[in-house]
Amino acid sequence: MAHTSPPPLPADRVRQIVVAVCAVLAVVGSFVGSGAAGGTPIQDAAGGALGADATLIAPAGPAFAIWSVIYAGLLAYAVWQLLPAQAAAPRQRTLGYPVAVTLLLNAAWILSVQAGLLALSVVVIVLLLVSLLVAFVLVVRTRRHPQGLVESVVLDGTIGLYLGWVCVATAANVTAALVAAGFDGFGWAPDAWGVAIVIVAGLAGLALAAFGGGRLGPAASLGWGLVWLAVSRITGSLESPAVASAALATASAVVVATVVIRVAHDRRGKTRAFALREARA
């Protein structure tokens, strides 16, 4: 049976425009915050607290190239959801404003870091993480069967990548703020804290894989961040073989577990579909 949407309402048009405007604001904010317009790059803002060698949880610089992919996906989603066919689509009605909130929080995070307000940036990025978790839950619960490739990539895939990376970014941001505030670790060695935080990030990745049926986006970006974290701890001035090893092992575990869950999930789906066809025959 073909999927049909109800007639669009004025509120649907408003939602489409809001999402598009928020996407533009997020991308412009990123452009300015990256230093491409002549300002201070994020890694040098806030006294360099988020630099690659500022803490044991800071990924190496090339890791942030993933933002180009995420922003491209967000812009693609913003354009795609503007199409007339998406105006009154139930999935867009559910997801439009939650995605817009994440875009505004993204821009707010960049502004807070550029203003040197590291403590505020922690609050903002935690809110961003929570908002992305809400969006991810909605993406999973509203997934249609069958679903087009474009929707799977620009919506499901982009939100997954966005969430996985923000998991890593939140860990790095919170750690940077604690270090800047003089946190002594309750007597724990820095390496022990580093390994513990990496493990927590890995557990988050496993939870996302289990809930999402093995969606590859979160695992890909989280694994990417952890690998570059390991590179930073091996090649940077703040070396830590323990944290590097934990990051590589955790990245591998998240990716492998996600693939296993995805294969099992797809097999169950095919089995259910076959049983349904047999029952109708």
Protein backbone atom coordinates (compact mmCIF):
# COMPACT_ATOMS: atom_id res chain seq x y z
CA MET A 1 0.00 0.00 0.00
CA ALA A 2 1.44 3.38 -0.99
CA HIS A 3 2.22 5.81 1.80
CA THR A 4 0.08 8.95 1.65
CA SER A 5 0.33 12.13 3.70
CA PRO A 6 -2.56 14.35 4.85
CA PRO A 7 -2.98 17.75 3.19
CA PRO A 8 -0.41 20.32 4.38
CA LEU A 9 -1.43 22.98 6.87
CA PRO A 10 0.02 26.49 7.30
CA ALA A 11 1.80 25.16 10.40
CA ASP A 12 3.60 22.64 8.19
CA ARG A 13 4.99 25.40 6.00
CA VAL A 14 6.13 27.30 9.07
CA ARG A 15 7.91 24.19 10.39
CA GLN A 16 9.69 23.65 7.08
CA ILE A 17 10.96 27.23 7.04
CA VAL A 18 12.05 27.10 10.69
CA VAL A 19 14.09 23.95 10.08
CA ALA A 20 15.72 25.45 6.99
CA VAL A 21 16.59 28.71 8.77
CA CYS A 22 18.02 26.85 11.78
CA ALA A 23 20.17 24.73 9.46
CA VAL A 24 21.58 27.85 7.82
CA LEU A 25 22.29 29.41 11.22
CA ALA A 26 24.11 26.26 12.37
CA VAL A 27 26.26 26.11 9.25
CA VAL A 28 27.07 29.83 9.32
CA GLY A 29 27.91 29.54 13.02
CA SER A 30 30.21 26.64 12.27
CA PHE A 31 31.90 28.59 9.46
CA VAL A 32 32.57 31.53 11.77
CA GLY A 33 33.50 29.34 14.73
CA SER A 34 36.00 27.33 12.72
CA GLY A 35 38.03 30.45 12.07
CA ALA A 36 37.42 30.25 8.32
CA ALA A 37 36.09 33.82 8.37
CA GLY A 38 39.16 35.10 10.17
CA GLY A 39 38.08 34.50 13.75
CA THR A 40 39.59 32.23 16.39
CA PRO A 41 39.37 28.49 15.63
CA ILE A 42 37.44 26.46 18.19
CA GLN A 43 40.56 24.61 19.32
CA ASP A 44 42.22 27.93 20.17
CA ALA A 45 39.18 29.54 21.81
CA ALA A 46 38.54 29.49 25.57
CA GLY A 47 42.27 29.58 26.23
CA GLY A 48 42.90 26.48 24.14
CA ALA A 49 40.91 24.30 26.57
CA LEU A 50 39.54 22.24 23.67
CA GLY A 51 42.85 21.81 21.85
CA ALA A 52 44.10 18.37 20.81
CA ASP A 53 46.63 18.24 23.67
CA ALA A 54 44.62 20.05 26.33
CA THR A 55 43.24 16.88 27.96
CA LEU A 56 43.49 13.11 27.60
CA ILE A 57 40.03 12.99 25.99
CA ALA A 58 40.72 15.48 23.20
CA PRO A 59 40.76 13.96 19.69
CA ALA A 60 43.41 14.95 17.16
CA GLY A 61 42.58 17.84 14.85
CA PRO A 62 41.64 15.79 11.74
CA ALA A 63 38.77 14.21 13.70
CA PHE A 64 36.78 17.41 13.32
CA ALA A 65 36.60 16.93 9.56
CA ILE A 66 33.52 14.83 10.30
CA TRP A 67 31.62 18.08 10.90
CA SER A 68 31.80 18.70 7.13
CA VAL A 69 29.92 15.44 6.54
CA ILE A 70 27.41 16.15 9.32
CA TYR A 71 26.70 19.70 8.12
CA ALA A 72 26.35 18.49 4.54
CA GLY A 73 23.81 15.96 5.77
CA LEU A 74 21.94 18.56 7.80
CA LEU A 75 21.75 20.93 4.84
CA ALA A 76 20.57 18.08 2.62
CA TYR A 77 17.89 17.25 5.17
CA ALA A 78 16.85 20.91 5.42
CA VAL A 79 16.42 21.11 1.64
CA TRP A 80 14.72 17.70 1.35
CA GLN A 81 12.17 18.44 4.07
CA LEU A 82 11.21 21.61 2.17
CA LEU A 83 9.84 19.52 -0.70
CA PRO A 84 6.04 19.65 -1.05
CA ALA A 85 5.80 15.89 -0.52
CA GLN A 86 7.35 16.26 2.92
CA ALA A 87 5.25 19.20 4.13
CA ALA A 88 2.58 17.11 5.86
CA ALA A 89 4.47 13.84 6.17
CA PRO A 90 3.78 12.46 9.67
CA ARG A 91 7.47 11.74 10.21
CA GLN A 92 8.45 15.32 9.41
CA ARG A 93 5.74 16.67 11.66
CA THR A 94 7.26 14.61 14.47
CA LEU A 95 10.93 15.31 13.78
CA GLY A 96 11.09 18.82 12.33
CA TYR A 97 11.18 20.89 15.51
CA PRO A 98 13.34 18.44 17.54
CA VAL A 99 15.96 18.60 14.77
CA ALA A 100 15.67 22.41 14.67
CA VAL A 101 16.38 22.54 18.42
CA THR A 102 19.62 20.59 17.92
CA LEU A 103 20.68 23.03 15.21
CA LEU A 104 20.11 26.06 17.43
CA LEU A 105 21.96 24.43 20.32
CA ASN A 106 24.84 23.65 17.98
CA ALA A 107 25.16 27.32 17.10
CA ALA A 108 24.80 28.30 20.77
CA TRP A 109 27.63 25.94 21.71
CA ILE A 110 29.96 27.54 19.20
CA LEU A 111 29.08 31.01 20.47
CA SER A 112 29.66 30.01 24.11
CA VAL A 113 33.09 28.56 23.34
CA GLN A 114 34.09 31.57 21.25
CA ALA A 115 33.04 33.80 24.15
CA GLY A 116 35.34 31.82 26.44
CA LEU A 117 32.40 30.61 28.55
CA LEU A 118 33.61 27.04 29.03
CA ALA A 119 31.20 26.19 31.86
CA LEU A 120 28.27 27.44 29.80
CA SER A 121 29.47 25.40 26.83
CA VAL A 122 29.16 22.26 28.98
CA VAL A 123 25.54 23.08 29.78
CA VAL A 124 24.81 23.72 26.11
CA ILE A 125 26.49 20.58 24.81
CA VAL A 126 24.71 18.43 27.40
CA LEU A 127 21.41 19.95 26.25
CA LEU A 128 22.47 19.25 22.67
CA LEU A 129 23.22 15.63 23.54
CA VAL A 130 19.84 15.21 25.24
CA SER A 131 18.07 16.83 22.28
CA LEU A 132 19.85 14.51 19.86
CA LEU A 133 18.92 11.50 21.95
CA VAL A 134 15.28 12.60 21.73
CA ALA A 135 15.61 13.04 17.96
CA PHE A 136 17.27 9.63 17.63
CA VAL A 137 14.50 7.92 19.60
CA LEU A 138 11.93 9.58 17.34
CA VAL A 139 13.88 8.55 14.23
CA VAL A 140 13.87 4.93 15.36
CA ARG A 141 10.22 4.88 16.41
CA THR A 142 8.92 6.60 13.28
CA ARG A 143 10.93 4.68 10.71
CA ARG A 144 8.74 3.59 7.79
CA HIS A 145 8.85 0.29 5.97
CA PRO A 146 9.66 0.45 3.17
CA GLN A 147 11.68 3.68 3.30
CA GLY A 148 13.43 5.47 0.45
CA LEU A 149 17.22 5.67 0.21
CA VAL A 150 17.26 9.48 0.33
CA GLU A 151 15.28 9.58 3.57
CA SER A 152 17.45 6.87 5.10
CA VAL A 153 20.60 8.84 4.32
CA VAL A 154 19.68 12.49 4.88
CA LEU A 155 17.48 11.91 7.94
CA ASP A 156 18.32 8.63 9.67
CA GLY A 157 21.97 8.62 8.66
CA THR A 158 22.63 12.27 9.45
CA ILE A 159 21.01 12.16 12.90
CA GLY A 160 22.98 9.00 13.68
CA LEU A 161 26.31 10.56 12.71
CA TYR A 162 25.43 13.77 14.55
CA LEU A 163 24.57 11.91 17.77
CA GLY A 164 27.60 9.61 17.75
CA TRP A 165 30.00 12.51 17.30
CA VAL A 166 28.31 14.65 19.96
CA CYS A 167 28.75 11.75 22.42
CA VAL A 168 32.51 12.07 21.92
CA ALA A 169 32.40 15.87 21.91
CA THR A 170 30.45 15.94 25.18
CA ALA A 171 33.03 13.74 26.89
CA ALA A 172 35.83 15.97 25.61
CA ASN A 173 34.01 19.20 26.55
CA VAL A 174 33.14 18.09 30.09
CA THR A 175 36.70 16.87 30.65
CA ALA A 176 38.14 20.16 29.37
CA ALA A 177 35.91 22.16 31.71
CA LEU A 178 36.85 20.03 34.71
CA VAL A 179 40.56 20.34 33.95
CA ALA A 180 40.26 24.09 33.46
CA ALA A 181 38.45 24.34 36.81
CA GLY A 182 41.31 22.55 38.58
CA PHE A 183 39.49 19.25 39.26
CA ASP A 184 41.95 16.89 40.94
CA GLY A 185 40.19 13.64 40.06
CA PHE A 186 39.48 12.59 43.69
CA GLY A 187 42.95 11.12 43.81
CA TRP A 188 42.59 9.01 40.65
CA ALA A 189 45.44 9.08 38.17
CA PRO A 190 44.66 11.02 34.96
CA ASP A 191 45.11 7.85 32.89
CA ALA A 192 42.54 6.04 35.02
CA TRP A 193 40.02 8.83 34.49
CA GLY A 194 40.78 8.85 30.77
CA VAL A 195 40.19 5.12 30.43
CA ALA A 196 36.99 5.34 32.48
CA ILE A 197 35.57 8.13 30.30
CA VAL A 198 36.42 6.22 27.13
CA ILE A 199 34.62 3.16 28.49
CA VAL A 200 31.53 5.24 29.32
CA ALA A 201 31.52 6.56 25.74
CA GLY A 202 31.77 2.99 24.50
CA LEU A 203 28.86 1.88 26.65
CA ALA A 204 26.82 4.74 25.20
CA GLY A 205 27.66 3.50 21.72
CA LEU A 206 26.58 -0.04 22.59
CA ALA A 207 23.31 1.26 24.05
CA LEU A 208 22.60 3.21 20.86
CA ALA A 209 23.33 0.13 18.77
CA ALA A 210 21.00 -2.03 20.84
CA PHE A 211 18.16 0.50 20.83
CA GLY A 212 18.53 1.41 17.17
CA GLY A 213 18.77 -2.13 15.85
CA GLY A 214 22.38 -1.71 14.80
CA ARG A 215 22.19 1.64 13.06
CA LEU A 216 25.60 2.34 11.57
CA GLY A 217 25.67 6.16 11.84
CA PRO A 218 26.24 6.49 15.60
CA ALA A 219 28.86 3.74 15.63
CA ALA A 220 30.70 5.23 12.65
CA SER A 221 31.09 8.71 14.13
CA LEU A 222 31.70 7.55 17.69
CA GLY A 223 34.31 5.08 16.45
CA TRP A 224 35.88 7.81 14.30
CA GLY A 225 36.19 10.11 17.31
CA LEU A 226 37.70 7.42 19.52
CA VAL A 227 40.26 6.44 16.89
CA TRP A 228 41.41 10.04 16.54
CA LEU A 229 41.47 10.34 20.31
CA ALA A 230 43.89 7.40 20.30
CA VAL A 231 45.99 9.06 17.59
CA SER A 232 46.21 12.21 19.71
CA ARG A 233 47.37 10.21 22.74
CA ILE A 234 50.02 8.43 20.67
CA THR A 235 51.40 11.24 18.51
CA GLY A 236 50.55 14.38 20.51
CA SER A 237 52.48 16.03 23.30
CA LEU A 238 50.07 14.59 25.92
CA GLU A 239 50.84 10.90 25.48
CA SER A 240 48.92 8.11 27.19
CA PRO A 241 49.33 4.53 25.94
CA ALA A 242 46.60 3.39 28.35
CA VAL A 243 43.99 5.83 27.03
CA ALA A 244 45.04 5.20 23.44
CA SER A 245 44.69 1.43 23.85
CA ALA A 246 41.32 1.80 25.58
CA ALA A 247 40.06 4.10 22.82
CA LEU A 248 41.09 1.74 20.03
CA ALA A 249 39.64 -1.29 21.81
CA THR A 250 36.40 0.54 22.59
CA ALA A 251 36.01 1.82 19.02
CA SER A 252 36.48 -1.72 17.70
CA ALA A 253 34.00 -3.15 20.19
CA VAL A 254 31.31 -0.58 19.32
CA VAL A 255 31.69 -1.05 15.56
CA VAL A 256 31.77 -4.87 15.71
CA ALA A 257 28.83 -5.06 18.12
CA THR A 258 26.81 -2.67 15.96
CA VAL A 259 27.40 -4.73 12.82
CA VAL A 260 26.44 -7.95 14.65
CA ILE A 261 23.26 -6.35 15.99
CA ARG A 262 22.43 -4.97 12.54
CA VAL A 263 22.82 -8.36 10.85
CA ALA A 264 20.67 -10.07 13.49
CA HIS A 265 18.06 -7.28 13.25
CA ASP A 266 17.87 -7.52 9.47
CA ARG A 267 17.55 -11.30 9.60
CA ARG A 268 14.67 -11.05 12.07
CA GLY A 269 13.00 -8.51 9.81
CA LYS A 270 13.29 -10.78 6.78
CA THR A 271 11.97 -13.72 8.79
CA ARG A 272 8.94 -11.72 9.93
CA ALA A 273 8.27 -10.48 6.40
CA PHE A 274 8.47 -14.05 5.02
CA ALA A 275 6.15 -15.36 7.74
CA LEU A 276 3.67 -12.56 6.97
CA ARG A 277 3.70 -13.39 3.25
CA GLU A 278 3.19 -17.06 4.00
CA ALA A 279 0.26 -16.25 6.29
CA ARG A 280 -1.39 -14.19 3.55
CA ALA A 281 -0.82 -16.84 0.88
